[in-house]
Amino acid sequence: TTSRFVGSSVLAVMLLTSVGSSFAFEYGGLTYRVIDNDAKTVKVTYQGSDAYSNPYTKSSIVIPETVDFNGNTYTVVEIGDNAFQNAALSSITIPATVKTIGGSAFMNCQNLVSIDLSGIETFGTYIFNMCTSLTTVKLPETLQSIPDGMFSMCSSITNFSFDNITS
């Protein structure tokens, strides 16, 4: 009986460890999910109750470079899939530490007017789908191609900027 109990305890600890390495927490009104607990990296994540109600109701959001949780400092390196989908934001500041934006991250943010993506290296698909007020976008000079649907149904874009080259 003792060996059965010890084996069960070891399995429970292993399960808790793997679950605990990808936990979510709130900091400054945004929800973050740990990507790598050893490297102390996180992504901003979506925490809505369904596909249509995003809890991020602020019109202006500043994502910090680092966030603190439970005595640890984590670097924000990603904006996750659907993170701000359907949010009410009109402006967002993305720190230089963020290198990835997931699919549909800003989908249907109908009040978003401009965004600076010059530091982003990896883009998902349909990031700005249905962002009907988006007029100005600054893209990284390293961008080789625009991902599928990135600006689908963005009818107001008048200014694309690739670092110092504007079109």
Protein backbone atom coordinates (compact mmCIF):
# COMPACT_ATOMS: atom_id res chain seq x y z
CA THR A 1 0.00 0.00 0.00
CA THR A 2 2.85 2.42 0.71
CA SER A 3 4.35 2.06 -2.77
CA ARG A 4 0.93 2.69 -4.35
CA PHE A 5 0.56 5.89 -2.29
CA VAL A 6 4.10 7.08 -3.14
CA GLY A 7 3.52 6.38 -6.84
CA SER A 8 0.26 8.33 -6.78
CA SER A 9 1.93 11.22 -4.96
CA VAL A 10 4.75 11.40 -7.51
CA LEU A 11 2.22 11.40 -10.36
CA ALA A 12 0.19 14.17 -8.67
CA VAL A 13 3.32 16.32 -8.20
CA MET A 14 4.30 15.79 -11.85
CA LEU A 15 0.82 16.81 -13.02
CA LEU A 16 0.79 19.91 -10.81
CA THR A 17 4.24 20.91 -12.07
CA SER A 18 3.25 20.69 -15.72
CA VAL A 19 -0.07 22.48 -15.10
CA GLY A 20 1.66 25.12 -12.97
CA SER A 21 4.17 26.01 -15.68
CA SER A 22 1.41 27.45 -17.87
CA PHE A 23 -0.74 29.37 -15.42
CA ALA A 24 -2.52 32.69 -15.95
CA PHE A 25 -2.61 35.73 -13.71
CA GLU A 26 -3.81 39.32 -13.80
CA TYR A 27 -1.57 42.36 -13.61
CA GLY A 28 -2.57 45.98 -14.21
CA GLY A 29 -5.97 45.04 -15.63
CA LEU A 30 -4.60 42.60 -18.25
CA THR A 31 -4.41 38.82 -18.09
CA TYR A 32 -1.12 37.06 -18.77
CA ARG A 33 -0.32 33.41 -19.38
CA VAL A 34 3.13 32.04 -18.61
CA ILE A 35 4.88 30.78 -21.75
CA ASP A 36 8.09 29.61 -20.06
CA ASN A 37 8.35 29.68 -16.28
CA ASP A 38 12.13 29.07 -16.36
CA ALA A 39 12.76 31.91 -18.83
CA LYS A 40 10.10 34.03 -17.04
CA THR A 41 8.21 34.94 -20.23
CA VAL A 42 4.49 35.63 -20.63
CA LYS A 43 1.92 36.60 -23.22
CA VAL A 44 -1.13 38.83 -22.93
CA THR A 45 -4.11 36.53 -23.26
CA TYR A 46 -7.85 36.61 -23.86
CA GLN A 47 -10.01 35.96 -20.82
CA GLY A 48 -13.50 36.66 -22.13
CA SER A 49 -16.39 34.38 -21.24
CA ASP A 50 -17.31 33.86 -24.89
CA ALA A 51 -16.24 34.92 -28.37
CA TYR A 52 -18.15 38.22 -28.22
CA SER A 53 -17.50 39.68 -24.78
CA ASN A 54 -13.94 40.82 -24.19
CA PRO A 55 -13.32 42.12 -20.65
CA TYR A 56 -10.82 44.71 -21.89
CA THR A 57 -13.01 47.82 -21.89
CA LYS A 58 -10.36 50.54 -21.62
CA SER A 59 -10.01 52.70 -24.71
CA SER A 60 -6.24 53.05 -24.27
CA ILE A 61 -3.96 50.22 -23.19
CA VAL A 62 -0.23 50.25 -22.50
CA ILE A 63 1.32 46.80 -22.33
CA PRO A 64 4.30 46.88 -19.94
CA GLU A 65 7.69 45.29 -20.76
CA THR A 66 7.59 43.30 -17.53
CA VAL A 67 4.97 42.19 -15.03
CA ASP A 68 5.33 40.96 -11.46
CA PHE A 69 3.54 37.97 -9.98
CA ASN A 70 4.15 35.96 -6.85
CA GLY A 71 7.66 37.37 -6.31
CA ASN A 72 8.76 36.84 -9.92
CA THR A 73 9.26 39.32 -12.75
CA TYR A 74 8.13 38.09 -16.17
CA THR A 75 8.99 39.64 -19.56
CA VAL A 76 6.02 40.20 -21.89
CA VAL A 77 7.06 38.72 -25.26
CA GLU A 78 3.78 37.96 -27.01
CA ILE A 79 0.21 39.05 -27.58
CA GLY A 80 -1.75 35.79 -27.76
CA ASP A 81 -4.41 34.59 -30.18
CA ASN A 82 -7.67 36.58 -29.80
CA ALA A 83 -6.16 38.57 -26.89
CA PHE A 84 -8.01 41.80 -27.67
CA GLN A 85 -10.68 40.45 -30.02
CA ASN A 86 -13.83 42.61 -29.83
CA ALA A 87 -12.22 44.95 -27.28
CA ALA A 88 -13.24 48.60 -27.07
CA LEU A 89 -9.69 49.96 -27.37
CA SER A 90 -8.83 52.85 -29.65
CA SER A 91 -5.08 52.84 -28.97
CA ILE A 92 -2.51 50.37 -27.71
CA THR A 93 1.17 50.73 -26.93
CA ILE A 94 3.24 47.60 -27.51
CA PRO A 95 6.67 47.41 -25.83
CA ALA A 96 9.86 46.44 -27.67
CA THR A 97 9.93 43.13 -25.76
CA VAL A 98 6.85 41.85 -27.64
CA LYS A 99 8.00 39.99 -30.76
CA THR A 100 4.91 37.91 -31.62
CA ILE A 101 1.27 38.73 -32.23
CA GLY A 102 -1.10 35.76 -32.46
CA GLY A 103 -3.95 35.18 -34.85
CA SER A 104 -7.03 37.42 -34.60
CA ALA A 105 -5.36 39.30 -31.72
CA PHE A 106 -7.16 42.58 -32.54
CA MET A 107 -10.01 41.19 -34.62
CA ASN A 108 -13.10 43.41 -34.63
CA CYS A 109 -11.53 46.21 -32.56
CA GLN A 110 -13.71 48.72 -34.35
CA ASN A 111 -12.35 51.75 -32.44
CA LEU A 112 -8.64 51.03 -33.06
CA VAL A 113 -7.23 53.93 -35.11
CA SER A 114 -3.46 53.40 -35.38
CA ILE A 115 -0.84 50.87 -34.35
CA ASP A 116 2.96 50.64 -34.35
CA LEU A 117 4.15 47.10 -35.15
CA SER A 118 7.74 48.04 -36.00
CA GLY A 119 9.27 45.71 -33.38
CA ILE A 120 7.16 42.63 -34.18
CA GLU A 121 8.88 39.64 -35.82
CA THR A 122 6.10 37.03 -36.07
CA PHE A 123 2.49 37.65 -37.06
CA GLY A 124 -0.55 35.38 -36.95
CA THR A 125 -3.40 35.51 -39.45
CA TYR A 126 -6.42 37.84 -39.40
CA ILE A 127 -4.84 40.04 -36.72
CA PHE A 128 -6.80 43.19 -37.63
CA ASN A 129 -9.76 41.61 -39.40
CA MET A 130 -12.76 44.00 -39.23
CA CYS A 131 -10.88 46.88 -37.59
CA THR A 132 -12.94 49.37 -39.54
CA SER A 133 -11.48 52.54 -37.95
CA LEU A 134 -7.82 51.55 -38.43
CA THR A 135 -6.17 54.26 -40.53
CA THR A 136 -2.43 54.15 -39.76
CA VAL A 137 -0.15 51.13 -39.46
CA LYS A 138 3.61 51.11 -38.92
CA LEU A 139 5.09 47.78 -40.04
CA PRO A 140 8.61 46.40 -39.43
CA GLU A 141 11.10 46.85 -42.26
CA THR A 142 11.89 43.13 -41.99
CA LEU A 143 8.34 42.09 -42.93
CA GLN A 144 8.58 39.85 -46.02
CA SER A 145 4.86 39.34 -46.61
CA ILE A 146 1.55 40.26 -45.06
CA PRO A 147 -0.12 37.24 -43.39
CA ASP A 148 -3.49 35.98 -44.63
CA GLY A 149 -6.34 38.30 -43.76
CA MET A 150 -4.14 40.61 -41.66
CA PHE A 151 -6.09 43.68 -42.79
CA SER A 152 -9.22 41.97 -44.09
CA MET A 153 -12.22 44.34 -44.03
CA CYS A 154 -10.12 47.26 -42.79
CA SER A 155 -11.77 49.86 -44.99
CA SER A 156 -10.18 53.01 -43.49
CA ILE A 157 -6.42 52.39 -43.86
CA THR A 158 -4.82 55.37 -45.55
CA ASN A 159 -1.24 55.20 -44.29
CA PHE A 160 1.17 52.26 -44.20
CA SER A 161 4.63 53.00 -42.85
CA PHE A 162 7.64 50.70 -43.14
CA ASP A 163 10.06 52.43 -40.74
CA ASN A 164 11.23 55.44 -42.80
CA ILE A 165 9.39 54.46 -46.00
CA THR A 166 5.74 55.56 -46.11
CA SER A 167 3.16 54.62 -48.72
